[in-house]
Amino acid sequence: MKEITGRVVIDATNAVLGRLASYAAKQALLGKQVIIVNAEKAIIVGKKENIIKDYIERLQRGRGWQKGPYWPRQAERLLRRTIRGMLPWKKARGREAYKLIKCYKGVPEEFKNSEMVKLKTKKYLDFLTLGELEKLLRGGKA
C-alpha cells in the first residue's frame, strides 16, 4: 500500500462537479488523503431538465437483467462515484487512491478548524446542486 503523504480538505461549496472531481483524483493519486466537505453544495452546470434526464438514465441502466453499474442517489456518494470515474480503477494504484477519498455532507466537527481548499468558480446561470439532484432522484421536489 502507498504511504499517505498528507491531507487535503476541500470545500465543495459552489465548486463545479467535474473540476472538483479531477482535482481530488489527482491529489489522491499523489498519495494524499482527500476529504471533501459540503458535498451537497457542489454544482453541475447545465439545464436542470438535461441533468435530471441524464442521471435518471444512469440509474435505470443498472436495472433489469443487468447486474450494474449501480449509481448512488446520495449527494456525497454521487460525488465519490464521479471521482472514481477519473481514476484508473482497473489498476491497483487507482483502487488505492480511491480508498484515500472521503466525502461528507456538511462539515464534520473534526474538520471545522482545519484549513480548506476552495476551487475557483465562475457565476453560472443554469446549474443544479447535488443536494437538489439528490432530492429529485429520491422522488421529491427541489
N, C-alpha and C. Protein backbone atom coordinates (compact mmCIF):
# COMPACT_ATOMS: atom_id res chain seq x y z
N MET A 1 0.84 -1.18 0.00
CA MET A 1 0.00 0.00 0.00
C MET A 1 0.88 1.25 0.00
N LYS A 2 0.41 2.27 -0.68
CA LYS A 2 1.14 3.52 -0.81
C LYS A 2 1.11 4.29 0.51
N GLU A 3 2.17 4.98 0.80
CA GLU A 3 2.26 5.77 2.03
C GLU A 3 1.48 7.07 1.86
N ILE A 4 0.71 7.46 2.88
CA ILE A 4 -0.06 8.70 2.84
C ILE A 4 0.88 9.86 3.13
N THR A 5 0.93 10.83 2.17
CA THR A 5 1.90 11.93 2.29
C THR A 5 1.31 13.21 2.83
N GLY A 6 0.04 13.26 3.10
CA GLY A 6 -0.57 14.48 3.61
C GLY A 6 -2.07 14.40 3.53
N ARG A 7 -2.72 15.50 3.88
CA ARG A 7 -4.16 15.55 3.87
C ARG A 7 -4.62 16.86 3.24
N VAL A 8 -5.62 16.76 2.38
CA VAL A 8 -6.21 17.93 1.73
C VAL A 8 -7.69 17.96 2.08
N VAL A 9 -8.15 19.07 2.66
CA VAL A 9 -9.57 19.24 2.95
C VAL A 9 -10.12 20.23 1.94
N ILE A 10 -11.11 19.81 1.17
CA ILE A 10 -11.68 20.62 0.10
C ILE A 10 -13.11 21.00 0.45
N ASP A 11 -13.43 22.30 0.31
CA ASP A 11 -14.80 22.77 0.50
C ASP A 11 -15.46 22.77 -0.88
N ALA A 12 -16.53 21.97 -1.02
CA ALA A 12 -17.19 21.81 -2.32
C ALA A 12 -18.25 22.86 -2.60
N THR A 13 -18.40 23.84 -1.74
CA THR A 13 -19.43 24.86 -1.94
C THR A 13 -19.20 25.61 -3.25
N ASN A 14 -20.20 25.56 -4.13
CA ASN A 14 -20.20 26.22 -5.45
C ASN A 14 -19.07 25.75 -6.37
N ALA A 15 -18.49 24.60 -6.11
CA ALA A 15 -17.45 24.06 -6.99
C ALA A 15 -18.12 23.21 -8.07
N VAL A 16 -17.64 23.34 -9.30
CA VAL A 16 -18.19 22.55 -10.41
C VAL A 16 -17.77 21.10 -10.21
N LEU A 17 -18.73 20.19 -10.34
CA LEU A 17 -18.52 18.78 -10.02
C LEU A 17 -17.34 18.17 -10.75
N GLY A 18 -17.23 18.36 -12.04
CA GLY A 18 -16.15 17.76 -12.82
C GLY A 18 -14.77 18.28 -12.44
N ARG A 19 -14.67 19.58 -12.22
CA ARG A 19 -13.38 20.17 -11.85
C ARG A 19 -12.97 19.74 -10.45
N LEU A 20 -13.93 19.68 -9.56
CA LEU A 20 -13.68 19.22 -8.20
C LEU A 20 -13.22 17.75 -8.22
N ALA A 21 -13.90 16.93 -9.00
CA ALA A 21 -13.57 15.51 -9.07
C ALA A 21 -12.18 15.28 -9.66
N SER A 22 -11.82 16.02 -10.69
CA SER A 22 -10.50 15.82 -11.29
C SER A 22 -9.39 16.29 -10.34
N TYR A 23 -9.62 17.39 -9.62
CA TYR A 23 -8.64 17.86 -8.64
C TYR A 23 -8.46 16.84 -7.52
N ALA A 24 -9.55 16.32 -7.02
CA ALA A 24 -9.49 15.33 -5.94
C ALA A 24 -8.81 14.05 -6.41
N ALA A 25 -9.09 13.62 -7.63
CA ALA A 25 -8.47 12.40 -8.16
C ALA A 25 -6.96 12.58 -8.28
N LYS A 26 -6.50 13.73 -8.76
CA LYS A 26 -5.07 13.97 -8.88
C LYS A 26 -4.38 13.97 -7.52
N GLN A 27 -5.02 14.59 -6.53
CA GLN A 27 -4.44 14.62 -5.19
C GLN A 27 -4.35 13.22 -4.59
N ALA A 28 -5.39 12.41 -4.81
CA ALA A 28 -5.39 11.04 -4.29
C ALA A 28 -4.32 10.20 -4.98
N LEU A 29 -4.12 10.40 -6.27
CA LEU A 29 -3.08 9.65 -7.00
C LEU A 29 -1.69 10.04 -6.53
N LEU A 30 -1.55 11.26 -6.00
CA LEU A 30 -0.26 11.69 -5.44
C LEU A 30 -0.03 11.11 -4.05
N GLY A 31 -1.03 10.43 -3.51
CA GLY A 31 -0.87 9.79 -2.21
C GLY A 31 -1.40 10.58 -1.04
N LYS A 32 -2.15 11.66 -1.31
CA LYS A 32 -2.70 12.47 -0.23
C LYS A 32 -4.10 11.97 0.13
N GLN A 33 -4.44 12.09 1.41
CA GLN A 33 -5.78 11.76 1.84
C GLN A 33 -6.67 12.95 1.49
N VAL A 34 -7.75 12.73 0.77
CA VAL A 34 -8.62 13.80 0.30
C VAL A 34 -9.94 13.74 1.07
N ILE A 35 -10.28 14.84 1.74
CA ILE A 35 -11.54 14.95 2.47
C ILE A 35 -12.33 16.08 1.82
N ILE A 36 -13.54 15.78 1.39
CA ILE A 36 -14.39 16.78 0.75
C ILE A 36 -15.58 17.03 1.66
N VAL A 37 -15.77 18.28 2.05
CA VAL A 37 -16.90 18.65 2.91
C VAL A 37 -17.91 19.47 2.10
N ASN A 38 -19.13 19.55 2.59
CA ASN A 38 -20.23 20.23 1.90
C ASN A 38 -20.48 19.66 0.51
N ALA A 39 -20.49 18.35 0.40
CA ALA A 39 -20.67 17.69 -0.90
C ALA A 39 -22.00 18.06 -1.55
N GLU A 40 -23.02 18.31 -0.74
CA GLU A 40 -24.35 18.61 -1.30
C GLU A 40 -24.40 19.98 -1.95
N LYS A 41 -23.37 20.82 -1.75
CA LYS A 41 -23.36 22.17 -2.32
C LYS A 41 -22.54 22.27 -3.60
N ALA A 42 -21.97 21.17 -4.07
CA ALA A 42 -21.27 21.16 -5.36
C ALA A 42 -22.31 21.31 -6.47
N ILE A 43 -21.91 21.92 -7.59
CA ILE A 43 -22.89 22.18 -8.65
C ILE A 43 -22.54 21.41 -9.92
N ILE A 44 -23.60 21.12 -10.68
CA ILE A 44 -23.47 20.54 -12.02
C ILE A 44 -23.99 21.61 -12.97
N VAL A 45 -23.17 22.00 -13.92
CA VAL A 45 -23.53 23.08 -14.83
C VAL A 45 -24.32 22.51 -16.01
N GLY A 46 -25.42 23.18 -16.34
CA GLY A 46 -26.26 22.77 -17.46
C GLY A 46 -27.72 23.02 -17.11
N LYS A 47 -28.58 22.72 -18.07
CA LYS A 47 -30.01 22.90 -17.84
C LYS A 47 -30.52 21.79 -16.93
N LYS A 48 -31.38 22.17 -15.99
CA LYS A 48 -31.86 21.23 -14.98
C LYS A 48 -32.52 20.00 -15.61
N GLU A 49 -33.33 20.22 -16.63
CA GLU A 49 -34.04 19.11 -17.27
C GLU A 49 -33.05 18.08 -17.83
N ASN A 50 -31.99 18.58 -18.49
CA ASN A 50 -31.00 17.68 -19.09
C ASN A 50 -30.22 16.91 -18.04
N ILE A 51 -29.84 17.59 -16.95
CA ILE A 51 -29.09 16.94 -15.88
C ILE A 51 -29.91 15.83 -15.26
N ILE A 52 -31.17 16.13 -14.95
CA ILE A 52 -32.04 15.15 -14.32
C ILE A 52 -32.27 13.96 -15.25
N LYS A 53 -32.49 14.24 -16.53
CA LYS A 53 -32.70 13.17 -17.51
C LYS A 53 -31.48 12.26 -17.59
N ASP A 54 -30.28 12.84 -17.62
CA ASP A 54 -29.05 12.04 -17.70
C ASP A 54 -28.88 11.14 -16.49
N TYR A 55 -29.12 11.68 -15.30
CA TYR A 55 -28.93 10.88 -14.09
C TYR A 55 -30.00 9.80 -13.95
N ILE A 56 -31.23 10.07 -14.38
CA ILE A 56 -32.27 9.04 -14.33
C ILE A 56 -31.92 7.91 -15.30
N GLU A 57 -31.37 8.25 -16.47
CA GLU A 57 -30.93 7.21 -17.42
C GLU A 57 -29.82 6.36 -16.81
N ARG A 58 -28.88 7.00 -16.09
CA ARG A 58 -27.81 6.25 -15.43
C ARG A 58 -28.35 5.28 -14.39
N LEU A 59 -29.34 5.75 -13.63
CA LEU A 59 -29.93 4.88 -12.61
C LEU A 59 -30.64 3.69 -13.24
N GLN A 60 -31.33 3.92 -14.35
CA GLN A 60 -32.10 2.84 -14.96
C GLN A 60 -31.23 1.86 -15.74
N ARG A 61 -30.01 2.27 -16.09
CA ARG A 61 -29.10 1.36 -16.78
C ARG A 61 -28.76 0.14 -15.94
N GLY A 62 -28.76 0.28 -14.63
CA GLY A 62 -28.39 -0.81 -13.75
C GLY A 62 -29.56 -1.71 -13.37
N ARG A 63 -30.74 -1.47 -13.89
CA ARG A 63 -31.91 -2.26 -13.54
C ARG A 63 -32.15 -3.37 -14.55
N GLY A 64 -33.07 -4.24 -14.23
CA GLY A 64 -33.46 -5.30 -15.16
C GLY A 64 -32.53 -6.48 -15.06
N TRP A 65 -32.26 -7.10 -16.17
CA TRP A 65 -31.46 -8.32 -16.20
C TRP A 65 -29.99 -8.05 -15.98
N GLN A 66 -29.57 -6.79 -16.16
CA GLN A 66 -28.16 -6.46 -15.97
C GLN A 66 -27.79 -6.44 -14.50
N LYS A 67 -26.55 -6.64 -14.22
CA LYS A 67 -26.07 -6.64 -12.84
C LYS A 67 -25.31 -5.36 -12.51
N GLY A 68 -25.64 -4.26 -13.10
CA GLY A 68 -24.98 -3.00 -12.80
C GLY A 68 -24.71 -2.25 -14.08
N PRO A 69 -24.05 -1.16 -14.06
CA PRO A 69 -23.48 -0.46 -12.92
C PRO A 69 -24.56 0.26 -12.12
N TYR A 70 -24.40 0.28 -10.82
CA TYR A 70 -25.34 0.94 -9.94
C TYR A 70 -24.83 2.33 -9.60
N TRP A 71 -25.70 3.30 -9.67
CA TRP A 71 -25.34 4.68 -9.32
C TRP A 71 -26.05 5.06 -8.04
N PRO A 72 -25.33 5.67 -7.10
CA PRO A 72 -25.95 6.06 -5.84
C PRO A 72 -26.87 7.26 -6.01
N ARG A 73 -27.69 7.52 -4.99
CA ARG A 73 -28.60 8.66 -5.01
C ARG A 73 -28.20 9.74 -4.01
N GLN A 74 -27.37 9.42 -3.02
CA GLN A 74 -26.96 10.40 -2.02
C GLN A 74 -25.88 11.32 -2.61
N ALA A 75 -25.91 12.58 -2.21
CA ALA A 75 -25.01 13.59 -2.77
C ALA A 75 -23.54 13.23 -2.56
N GLU A 76 -23.16 12.83 -1.35
CA GLU A 76 -21.76 12.54 -1.07
C GLU A 76 -21.29 11.28 -1.82
N ARG A 77 -22.19 10.34 -2.01
CA ARG A 77 -21.82 9.12 -2.75
C ARG A 77 -21.77 9.38 -4.25
N LEU A 78 -22.65 10.27 -4.75
CA LEU A 78 -22.59 10.66 -6.16
C LEU A 78 -21.24 11.32 -6.47
N LEU A 79 -20.81 12.19 -5.56
CA LEU A 79 -19.52 12.87 -5.75
C LEU A 79 -18.37 11.87 -5.75
N ARG A 80 -18.39 10.94 -4.81
CA ARG A 80 -17.32 9.95 -4.71
C ARG A 80 -17.31 9.05 -5.95
N ARG A 81 -18.49 8.70 -6.46
CA ARG A 81 -18.59 7.85 -7.65
C ARG A 81 -18.08 8.60 -8.88
N THR A 82 -18.31 9.90 -8.93
CA THR A 82 -17.80 10.72 -10.04
C THR A 82 -16.28 10.75 -10.01
N ILE A 83 -15.71 10.87 -8.81
CA ILE A 83 -14.25 10.86 -8.68
C ILE A 83 -13.70 9.52 -9.14
N ARG A 84 -14.40 8.44 -8.82
CA ARG A 84 -13.95 7.10 -9.22
C ARG A 84 -13.81 7.01 -10.74
N GLY A 85 -14.68 7.69 -11.47
CA GLY A 85 -14.61 7.67 -12.93
C GLY A 85 -13.36 8.36 -13.47
N MET A 86 -12.70 9.15 -12.65
CA MET A 86 -11.50 9.86 -13.08
C MET A 86 -10.22 9.19 -12.59
N LEU A 87 -10.35 8.03 -11.97
CA LEU A 87 -9.20 7.27 -11.50
C LEU A 87 -9.01 6.04 -12.39
N PRO A 88 -7.77 5.55 -12.51
CA PRO A 88 -7.55 4.31 -13.26
C PRO A 88 -8.03 3.12 -12.43
N TRP A 89 -9.33 2.90 -12.40
CA TRP A 89 -9.99 1.97 -11.49
C TRP A 89 -9.54 0.52 -11.67
N LYS A 90 -9.15 0.13 -12.86
CA LYS A 90 -8.78 -1.26 -13.11
C LYS A 90 -7.34 -1.56 -12.74
N LYS A 91 -6.63 -0.57 -12.24
CA LYS A 91 -5.25 -0.76 -11.79
C LYS A 91 -5.20 -0.61 -10.28
N ALA A 92 -4.22 -1.23 -9.67
CA ALA A 92 -4.11 -1.23 -8.21
C ALA A 92 -3.93 0.18 -7.66
N ARG A 93 -3.17 1.03 -8.35
CA ARG A 93 -2.94 2.38 -7.84
C ARG A 93 -4.23 3.22 -7.84
N GLY A 94 -5.13 2.96 -8.80
CA GLY A 94 -6.41 3.66 -8.83
C GLY A 94 -7.30 3.24 -7.68
N ARG A 95 -7.33 1.96 -7.36
CA ARG A 95 -8.14 1.47 -6.24
C ARG A 95 -7.58 1.96 -4.90
N GLU A 96 -6.26 2.01 -4.80
CA GLU A 96 -5.64 2.52 -3.57
C GLU A 96 -5.95 4.01 -3.40
N ALA A 97 -5.90 4.75 -4.50
CA ALA A 97 -6.21 6.18 -4.44
C ALA A 97 -7.66 6.41 -4.05
N TYR A 98 -8.56 5.55 -4.52
CA TYR A 98 -9.99 5.68 -4.21
C TYR A 98 -10.26 5.50 -2.72
N LYS A 99 -9.47 4.68 -2.08
CA LYS A 99 -9.63 4.45 -0.64
C LYS A 99 -9.22 5.68 0.18
N LEU A 100 -8.46 6.58 -0.42
CA LEU A 100 -8.00 7.79 0.29
C LEU A 100 -9.02 8.92 0.25
N ILE A 101 -10.15 8.72 -0.45
CA ILE A 101 -11.13 9.79 -0.64
C ILE A 101 -12.32 9.60 0.29
N LYS A 102 -12.66 10.66 1.02
CA LYS A 102 -13.82 10.68 1.91
C LYS A 102 -14.65 11.89 1.56
N CYS A 103 -15.97 11.72 1.46
CA CYS A 103 -16.88 12.82 1.17
C CYS A 103 -17.92 12.91 2.28
N TYR A 104 -18.26 14.14 2.67
CA TYR A 104 -19.22 14.36 3.75
C TYR A 104 -20.24 15.41 3.36
N LYS A 105 -21.48 15.23 3.86
CA LYS A 105 -22.48 16.29 3.79
C LYS A 105 -22.20 17.22 4.96
N GLY A 106 -22.19 18.50 4.71
CA GLY A 106 -21.89 19.44 5.78
C GLY A 106 -20.41 19.36 6.17
N VAL A 107 -20.09 19.94 7.31
CA VAL A 107 -18.71 19.92 7.80
C VAL A 107 -18.68 19.16 9.12
N PRO A 108 -18.03 18.00 9.17
CA PRO A 108 -17.92 17.27 10.45
C PRO A 108 -17.12 18.08 11.47
N GLU A 109 -17.37 17.80 12.72
CA GLU A 109 -16.75 18.54 13.84
C GLU A 109 -15.23 18.51 13.76
N GLU A 110 -14.65 17.39 13.36
CA GLU A 110 -13.19 17.26 13.35
C GLU A 110 -12.50 18.12 12.29
N PHE A 111 -13.25 18.59 11.27
CA PHE A 111 -12.65 19.38 10.20
C PHE A 111 -13.06 20.85 10.24
N LYS A 112 -13.80 21.28 11.27
CA LYS A 112 -14.28 22.66 11.32
C LYS A 112 -13.15 23.68 11.37
N ASN A 113 -12.08 23.38 12.08
CA ASN A 113 -10.99 24.36 12.25
C ASN A 113 -9.83 24.13 11.30
N SER A 114 -9.93 23.14 10.44
CA SER A 114 -8.81 22.87 9.52
C SER A 114 -8.86 23.81 8.32
N GLU A 115 -7.73 23.99 7.70
CA GLU A 115 -7.61 24.87 6.54
C GLU A 115 -8.20 24.15 5.33
N MET A 116 -9.11 24.83 4.61
CA MET A 116 -9.80 24.21 3.47
C MET A 116 -9.38 24.85 2.16
N VAL A 117 -9.33 24.02 1.13
CA VAL A 117 -9.05 24.48 -0.23
C VAL A 117 -10.38 24.80 -0.89
N LYS A 118 -10.51 25.99 -1.48
CA LYS A 118 -11.69 26.34 -2.26
C LYS A 118 -11.26 26.50 -3.71
N LEU A 119 -11.95 25.81 -4.60
CA LEU A 119 -11.64 25.91 -6.02
C LEU A 119 -12.27 27.17 -6.59
N LYS A 120 -11.58 27.79 -7.54
CA LYS A 120 -12.09 28.99 -8.17
C LYS A 120 -13.31 28.63 -9.02
N THR A 121 -14.32 29.49 -8.97
CA THR A 121 -15.52 29.25 -9.75
C THR A 121 -15.97 30.53 -10.43
N LYS A 122 -16.78 30.36 -11.46
CA LYS A 122 -17.42 31.48 -12.14
C LYS A 122 -18.87 31.50 -11.70
N LYS A 123 -19.61 32.48 -12.15
CA LYS A 123 -21.05 32.51 -11.90
C LYS A 123 -21.74 31.87 -13.09
N TYR A 124 -22.61 30.93 -12.81
CA TYR A 124 -23.33 30.23 -13.85
C TYR A 124 -24.82 30.50 -13.71
N LEU A 125 -25.51 30.59 -14.86
CA LEU A 125 -26.95 30.82 -14.84
C LEU A 125 -27.72 29.51 -14.67
N ASP A 126 -27.32 28.48 -15.40
CA ASP A 126 -28.01 27.20 -15.34
C ASP A 126 -27.14 26.19 -14.62
N PHE A 127 -27.61 25.75 -13.46
CA PHE A 127 -26.89 24.73 -12.71
C PHE A 127 -27.85 24.05 -11.74
N LEU A 128 -27.38 22.95 -11.19
CA LEU A 128 -28.15 22.18 -10.21
C LEU A 128 -27.17 21.71 -9.14
N THR A 129 -27.51 21.88 -7.87
CA THR A 129 -26.63 21.40 -6.82
C THR A 129 -26.85 19.91 -6.61
N LEU A 130 -25.86 19.24 -6.04
CA LEU A 130 -26.00 17.81 -5.77
C LEU A 130 -27.10 17.55 -4.74
N GLY A 131 -27.30 18.47 -3.82
CA GLY A 131 -28.38 18.32 -2.84
C GLY A 131 -29.75 18.33 -3.51
N GLU A 132 -29.95 19.25 -4.46
CA GLU A 132 -31.22 19.29 -5.20
C GLU A 132 -31.39 18.04 -6.04
N LEU A 133 -30.31 17.60 -6.68
CA LEU A 133 -30.36 16.39 -7.50
C LEU A 133 -30.73 15.18 -6.65
N GLU A 134 -30.17 15.12 -5.45
CA GLU A 134 -30.48 14.01 -4.54
C GLU A 134 -31.97 13.98 -4.22
N LYS A 135 -32.56 15.15 -3.92
CA LYS A 135 -33.99 15.21 -3.62
C LYS A 135 -34.82 14.76 -4.82
N LEU A 136 -34.43 15.19 -6.00
CA LEU A 136 -35.18 14.82 -7.20
C LEU A 136 -35.07 13.32 -7.51
N LEU A 137 -33.89 12.74 -7.31
CA LEU A 137 -33.72 11.32 -7.58
C LEU A 137 -34.46 10.45 -6.57
N ARG A 138 -34.68 10.99 -5.39
CA ARG A 138 -35.41 10.24 -4.36
C ARG A 138 -36.91 10.43 -4.49
N GLY A 139 -37.34 11.22 -5.46
CA GLY A 139 -38.77 11.39 -5.70
C GLY A 139 -39.37 12.65 -5.14
N GLY A 140 -38.56 13.52 -4.56
CA GLY A 140 -39.08 14.77 -4.01
C GLY A 140 -38.99 15.89 -5.01
N LYS A 141 -39.31 17.10 -4.55
CA LYS A 141 -39.20 18.27 -5.40
C LYS A 141 -38.14 19.19 -4.82
N ALA A 142 -37.28 19.73 -5.69
CA ALA A 142 -36.20 20.61 -5.23
C ALA A 142 -36.67 22.02 -5.07
